[in-house]
């Protein structure tokens, strides 16, 4: 049990609706439902029941929520009393692969910290396996990973084996990223056949589709943002599957995004933290900022 779970339960009680609570928390309804169910299983009690008035607490749920609200109030009071002092630092340690909105969320969170407040925050940009290792080993309290949607079962098993809690941040449809000098840049959309003789850049093995590549296709695994950016820029016949990027990023590097006709490629973004870790209020504030930025990507 951690503060994030308490915050979820209190929000559900306040709104009497899983749907509305999920909107307020910037997360998907199925993920909030799962988080509440896991909390109930951990406690061994039913916290809520469905009625004509919506989701309402059970008698045991009311008792739990009263204490949960008290804990959250105490945490807020501690933040107010000691958060401005030099001894109290805002601490967040986060690991992620290169995902634009994750970096934006971290930068925005850092900018929101009071100037007089001490802070110790870290952001590690690494591979998906690196994120899993950092979080599982306790070197980072929070992490996020991005993987091909077709590989969800594999990664859910991996997270369970490493003792990690995973909460979905979103699923994003992919398009094809190419250089402005690419022959496909002038097309409205691309077909799979258009990519047959091109080089696919894969920035992390987790983003590789499970299906075997057709004969003759080429793929390069490039672990490093600067490297794949440079390859797309310099190689007119290279491409990358990715969720849509901001126009300012495309303009900066001379890239264009092209929708792929009939393609159902998508990536899943997932928040990770170690099971049993007590997330602080500062951690929860950062997660809220991360979910808000993920929601803006849709």
Protein backbone atom coordinates (compact mmCIF):
# COMPACT_ATOMS: atom_id res chain seq x y z
CA UNK A 1 0.00 0.00 0.00
CA UNK A 2 1.26 3.49 -0.80
CA UNK A 3 0.11 7.09 -0.99
CA UNK A 4 -0.80 6.78 -4.65
CA UNK A 5 -3.27 4.01 -3.84
CA UNK A 6 -4.75 6.08 -1.00
CA UNK A 7 -5.15 9.00 -3.37
CA UNK A 8 -6.95 6.76 -5.89
CA UNK A 9 -9.41 5.44 -3.30
CA UNK A 10 -10.17 8.89 -1.91
CA UNK A 11 -10.81 10.28 -5.40
CA UNK A 12 -13.21 7.44 -6.25
CA UNK A 13 -15.12 8.12 -3.03
CA UNK A 14 -15.21 11.88 -3.72
CA UNK A 15 -16.61 11.48 -7.25
CA UNK A 16 -18.72 8.33 -6.67
CA UNK A 17 -17.58 7.31 -10.16
CA UNK A 18 -14.64 5.31 -11.49
CA UNK A 19 -14.95 7.15 -14.81
CA UNK A 20 -14.86 10.65 -13.31
CA UNK A 21 -12.13 9.73 -10.84
CA UNK A 22 -10.00 8.34 -13.68
CA UNK A 23 -10.45 11.60 -15.62
CA UNK A 24 -9.41 13.66 -12.57
CA UNK A 25 -6.38 11.42 -12.05
CA UNK A 26 -5.40 11.51 -15.76
CA UNK A 27 -5.51 7.73 -16.06
CA UNK A 28 -7.57 5.10 -17.85
CA UNK A 29 -10.69 3.72 -16.22
CA UNK A 30 -9.56 0.06 -16.50
CA UNK A 31 -6.28 0.88 -14.78
CA UNK A 32 -7.98 2.70 -11.93
CA UNK A 33 -10.42 -0.19 -11.51
CA UNK A 34 -7.50 -2.59 -11.38
CA UNK A 35 -5.64 -0.44 -8.85
CA UNK A 36 -8.70 -0.35 -6.56
CA UNK A 37 -9.22 -4.09 -6.95
CA UNK A 38 -5.57 -4.78 -6.06
CA UNK A 39 -5.87 -2.53 -3.01
CA UNK A 40 -8.97 -4.41 -1.89
CA UNK A 41 -7.18 -7.73 -2.36
CA UNK A 42 -4.22 -6.50 -0.34
CA UNK A 43 -6.51 -5.32 2.48
CA UNK A 44 -8.82 -8.29 2.27
CA UNK A 45 -11.98 -6.14 2.28
CA UNK A 46 -14.39 -4.61 -0.24
CA UNK A 47 -14.02 -0.84 -0.16
CA UNK A 48 -16.79 0.08 -2.63
CA UNK A 49 -20.08 -1.20 -4.01
CA UNK A 50 -22.15 -0.16 -7.00
CA UNK A 51 -25.57 1.43 -6.37
CA UNK A 52 -28.07 3.55 -8.29
CA UNK A 53 -26.20 6.56 -6.88
CA UNK A 54 -22.91 5.39 -8.30
CA UNK A 55 -19.88 3.91 -6.52
CA UNK A 56 -20.26 4.22 -2.75
CA UNK A 57 -18.01 2.99 0.10
CA UNK A 58 -18.93 -0.04 2.12
CA UNK A 59 -18.94 0.23 5.92
CA UNK A 60 -15.35 -1.04 6.00
CA UNK A 61 -14.57 1.25 3.11
CA UNK A 62 -15.76 4.28 5.07
CA UNK A 63 -13.52 3.33 7.98
CA UNK A 64 -10.56 2.87 5.63
CA UNK A 65 -11.23 6.14 3.77
CA UNK A 66 -11.43 8.10 7.01
CA UNK A 67 -7.94 6.96 7.90
CA UNK A 68 -6.69 7.37 4.33
CA UNK A 69 -7.86 11.00 4.25
CA UNK A 70 -6.17 11.56 7.61
CA UNK A 71 -2.91 10.17 6.25
CA UNK A 72 -3.11 12.40 3.17
CA UNK A 73 -3.88 15.45 5.33
CA UNK A 74 -0.93 14.63 7.56
CA UNK A 75 1.33 14.34 4.54
CA UNK A 76 0.09 17.68 3.25
CA UNK A 77 0.68 19.24 6.67
CA UNK A 78 4.21 17.82 6.76
CA UNK A 79 4.89 19.24 3.31
CA UNK A 80 3.61 22.65 4.35
CA UNK A 81 5.48 22.64 7.67
CA UNK A 82 8.81 21.34 6.47
CA UNK A 83 8.73 21.49 2.69
CA UNK A 84 10.19 25.00 2.61
CA UNK A 85 13.08 24.25 4.95
CA UNK A 86 16.58 23.42 3.83
CA UNK A 87 16.35 20.00 5.46
CA UNK A 88 13.33 18.92 3.44
CA UNK A 89 14.12 18.18 -0.17
CA UNK A 90 11.75 17.29 -2.96
CA UNK A 91 13.07 13.92 -4.10
CA UNK A 92 12.11 12.19 -7.35
CA UNK A 93 14.16 9.57 -9.19
CA UNK A 94 12.78 8.60 -12.58
CA UNK A 95 13.98 6.46 -15.48
CA UNK A 96 12.49 6.30 -18.98
CA UNK A 97 13.39 5.67 -22.61
CA UNK A 98 13.27 8.64 -24.98
CA UNK A 99 9.64 9.75 -24.85
CA UNK A 100 8.99 13.42 -25.50
CA UNK A 101 6.13 13.94 -23.06
CA UNK A 102 8.04 12.20 -20.24
CA UNK A 103 10.85 14.73 -20.55
CA UNK A 104 8.30 17.56 -20.73
CA UNK A 105 6.53 16.29 -17.60
CA UNK A 106 9.81 16.11 -15.70
CA UNK A 107 10.87 19.58 -16.81
CA UNK A 108 7.47 21.03 -15.92
CA UNK A 109 7.52 19.33 -12.52
CA UNK A 110 11.01 20.67 -11.80
CA UNK A 111 9.92 24.17 -12.81
CA UNK A 112 6.94 23.98 -10.44
CA UNK A 113 9.11 23.43 -7.35
CA UNK A 114 9.37 26.53 -5.11
CA UNK A 115 12.73 28.31 -5.59
CA UNK A 116 13.43 28.16 -1.85
CA UNK A 117 12.80 24.42 -1.61
CA UNK A 118 15.73 22.05 -1.64
CA UNK A 119 15.45 19.40 -4.33
CA UNK A 120 17.15 16.18 -5.31
CA UNK A 121 15.65 14.98 -8.57
CA UNK A 122 17.08 12.69 -11.23
CA UNK A 123 16.04 11.64 -14.73
CA UNK A 124 17.78 8.73 -16.42
CA UNK A 125 17.19 8.17 -20.10
CA UNK A 126 17.91 4.54 -20.89
CA UNK A 127 16.59 1.42 -22.62
CA UNK A 128 13.42 -0.35 -21.51
CA UNK A 129 15.52 -3.10 -19.90
CA UNK A 130 17.56 -0.42 -18.18
CA UNK A 131 14.40 1.13 -16.73
CA UNK A 132 13.22 -2.26 -15.42
CA UNK A 133 16.61 -2.88 -13.80
CA UNK A 134 16.86 0.58 -12.23
CA UNK A 135 13.40 0.35 -10.67
CA UNK A 136 13.68 -3.31 -9.59
CA UNK A 137 17.07 -2.66 -7.95
CA UNK A 138 15.79 0.44 -6.15
CA UNK A 139 18.07 2.88 -7.97
CA UNK A 140 14.99 4.76 -9.24
CA UNK A 141 11.66 4.87 -7.42
CA UNK A 142 9.68 5.52 -10.59
CA UNK A 143 10.06 4.51 -14.20
CA UNK A 144 8.15 4.33 -17.44
CA UNK A 145 8.59 2.00 -20.37
CA UNK A 146 7.32 1.95 -23.93
CA UNK A 147 6.85 -1.31 -25.82
CA UNK A 148 5.10 -2.67 -28.90
CA UNK A 149 1.43 -3.28 -28.07
CA UNK A 150 1.66 -6.83 -29.40
CA UNK A 151 4.13 -7.73 -26.66
CA UNK A 152 2.00 -6.81 -23.66
CA UNK A 153 1.83 -10.34 -22.23
CA UNK A 154 5.59 -10.73 -22.29
CA UNK A 155 6.18 -7.47 -20.47
CA UNK A 156 3.44 -8.03 -17.90
CA UNK A 157 5.10 -11.34 -16.99
CA UNK A 158 8.49 -9.61 -16.83
CA UNK A 159 7.18 -6.91 -14.49
CA UNK A 160 5.58 -9.52 -12.22
CA UNK A 161 8.81 -11.54 -12.11
CA UNK A 162 10.79 -8.44 -11.11
CA UNK A 163 8.29 -7.45 -8.41
CA UNK A 164 7.09 -4.31 -10.18
CA UNK A 165 3.69 -2.65 -10.16
CA UNK A 166 2.68 -1.44 -13.63
CA UNK A 167 -0.01 1.11 -14.44
CA UNK A 168 -0.89 2.05 -18.02
CA UNK A 169 -0.25 5.63 -19.09
CA UNK A 170 -1.71 5.22 -22.56
CA UNK A 171 -1.69 3.39 -25.87
CA UNK A 172 -0.61 5.40 -28.90
CA UNK A 173 -1.04 4.67 -32.61
CA UNK A 174 2.17 4.79 -34.65
CA UNK A 175 3.05 6.49 -37.91
CA UNK A 176 6.19 6.42 -40.06
CA UNK A 177 8.93 8.98 -39.41
CA UNK A 178 11.20 9.83 -42.36
CA UNK A 179 13.50 12.58 -43.50
CA UNK A 180 12.18 15.38 -45.71
CA UNK A 181 14.57 13.97 -48.34
CA UNK A 182 12.91 10.57 -48.28
CA UNK A 183 11.02 9.56 -51.46
CA UNK A 184 7.97 8.85 -49.27
CA UNK A 185 7.91 12.39 -47.85
CA UNK A 186 5.67 13.66 -50.68
CA UNK A 187 3.08 10.90 -50.30
CA UNK A 188 -0.14 11.39 -48.34
CA UNK A 189 0.26 7.98 -46.72
CA UNK A 190 2.53 4.95 -47.03
CA UNK A 191 1.80 1.28 -47.60
CA UNK A 192 3.73 -1.63 -46.12
CA UNK A 193 4.99 -2.35 -49.63
CA UNK A 194 6.58 1.13 -49.75
CA UNK A 195 8.84 0.14 -46.84
CA UNK A 196 10.05 -3.12 -48.36
CA UNK A 197 13.45 -1.84 -49.52
CA UNK A 198 13.95 0.67 -46.70
CA UNK A 199 15.90 0.33 -43.45
CA UNK A 200 13.75 0.25 -40.31
CA UNK A 201 15.39 1.94 -37.32
CA UNK A 202 14.40 0.36 -33.99
CA UNK A 203 15.50 2.52 -31.01
CA UNK A 204 14.81 -0.24 -28.47
CA UNK A 205 14.21 -3.98 -28.86
CA UNK A 206 10.97 -3.57 -26.87
CA UNK A 207 9.52 -1.67 -29.84
CA UNK A 208 10.14 -4.49 -32.31
CA UNK A 209 7.01 -6.25 -33.50
CA UNK A 210 6.72 -9.90 -32.47
CA UNK A 211 5.93 -11.12 -35.96
CA UNK A 212 8.84 -12.34 -38.04
CA UNK A 213 10.08 -9.85 -40.60
CA UNK A 214 9.25 -10.67 -44.24
CA UNK A 215 12.20 -11.90 -46.30
CA UNK A 216 14.32 -9.08 -47.62
CA UNK A 217 13.35 -6.52 -44.98
CA UNK A 218 16.14 -4.75 -43.14
CA UNK A 219 16.23 -3.59 -39.53
CA UNK A 220 18.84 -1.72 -37.47
CA UNK A 221 18.75 -1.64 -33.67
CA UNK A 222 20.09 1.72 -32.56
CA UNK A 223 20.29 2.26 -28.80
CA UNK A 224 20.76 5.99 -28.46
CA UNK A 225 18.58 8.93 -29.41
CA UNK A 226 21.32 10.98 -31.09
CA UNK A 227 22.29 8.01 -33.26
CA UNK A 228 18.84 7.24 -34.66
CA UNK A 229 18.07 10.93 -35.13
CA UNK A 230 21.23 11.24 -37.20
CA UNK A 231 20.48 8.09 -39.20
CA UNK A 232 16.99 9.24 -40.15
CA UNK A 233 18.40 12.66 -41.04
CA UNK A 234 21.23 11.37 -43.22
CA UNK A 235 19.62 8.28 -44.76
CA UNK A 236 16.73 9.03 -47.15
CA UNK A 237 15.75 5.35 -47.15
CA UNK A 238 15.57 4.90 -43.39
CA UNK A 239 12.39 5.13 -41.32
CA UNK A 240 11.12 4.74 -37.77
CA UNK A 241 7.74 3.69 -36.36
CA UNK A 242 6.74 6.14 -33.65
CA UNK A 243 3.73 7.91 -32.16
CA UNK A 244 3.23 11.41 -33.62
CA UNK A 245 5.89 13.91 -32.59
CA UNK A 246 5.31 17.65 -32.00
CA UNK A 247 5.62 19.76 -35.14
CA UNK A 248 8.45 21.81 -33.61
CA UNK A 249 10.49 18.62 -33.22
CA UNK A 250 9.81 17.60 -36.82
CA UNK A 251 10.81 21.07 -38.05
CA UNK A 252 13.95 21.10 -35.91
CA UNK A 253 15.33 17.91 -37.45
CA UNK A 254 13.81 18.11 -40.91
CA UNK A 255 11.49 15.13 -40.41
CA UNK A 256 7.97 14.36 -41.58
CA UNK A 257 5.36 11.94 -40.21
CA UNK A 258 3.37 9.77 -42.60
CA UNK A 259 0.31 7.72 -41.66
CA UNK A 260 0.54 4.10 -42.69
CA UNK A 261 -2.52 2.83 -44.51
CA UNK A 262 -4.22 -0.14 -42.83
CA UNK A 263 -1.54 -0.27 -40.12
CA UNK A 264 -2.59 -1.08 -36.57
CA UNK A 265 0.81 -0.58 -35.02
CA UNK A 266 0.69 0.93 -31.55
CA UNK A 267 2.88 1.30 -28.48
CA UNK A 268 1.98 1.01 -24.81
CA UNK A 269 3.40 3.38 -22.20
CA UNK A 270 3.46 2.04 -18.64
CA UNK A 271 4.36 3.54 -15.27
CA UNK A 272 6.52 1.31 -13.03
CA UNK A 273 7.35 1.28 -9.35
CA UNK A 274 8.51 -1.46 -7.01
CA UNK A 275 5.85 -3.41 -5.16
CA UNK A 276 5.78 -2.40 -1.50
CA UNK A 277 7.59 0.91 -2.04
CA UNK A 278 5.93 3.80 -0.22
CA UNK A 279 5.54 6.57 -2.78
CA UNK A 280 5.82 10.04 -1.30
CA UNK A 281 3.49 12.94 -1.97
CA UNK A 282 6.20 14.38 -4.23
CA UNK A 283 6.27 11.11 -6.18
CA UNK A 284 2.48 11.28 -6.53
CA UNK A 285 2.64 14.88 -7.73
CA UNK A 286 5.13 13.90 -10.42
CA UNK A 287 2.98 10.92 -11.50
CA UNK A 288 0.02 13.30 -11.84
CA UNK A 289 2.12 15.60 -14.05
CA UNK A 290 3.25 12.61 -16.12
CA UNK A 291 -0.33 11.39 -16.62
CA UNK A 292 -1.45 14.89 -17.61
CA UNK A 293 1.25 15.10 -20.30
CA UNK A 294 0.44 11.59 -21.52
CA UNK A 295 -3.21 12.59 -21.84
CA UNK A 296 -2.23 15.59 -23.94
CA UNK A 297 -0.52 13.25 -26.42
CA UNK A 298 -3.77 11.52 -27.36
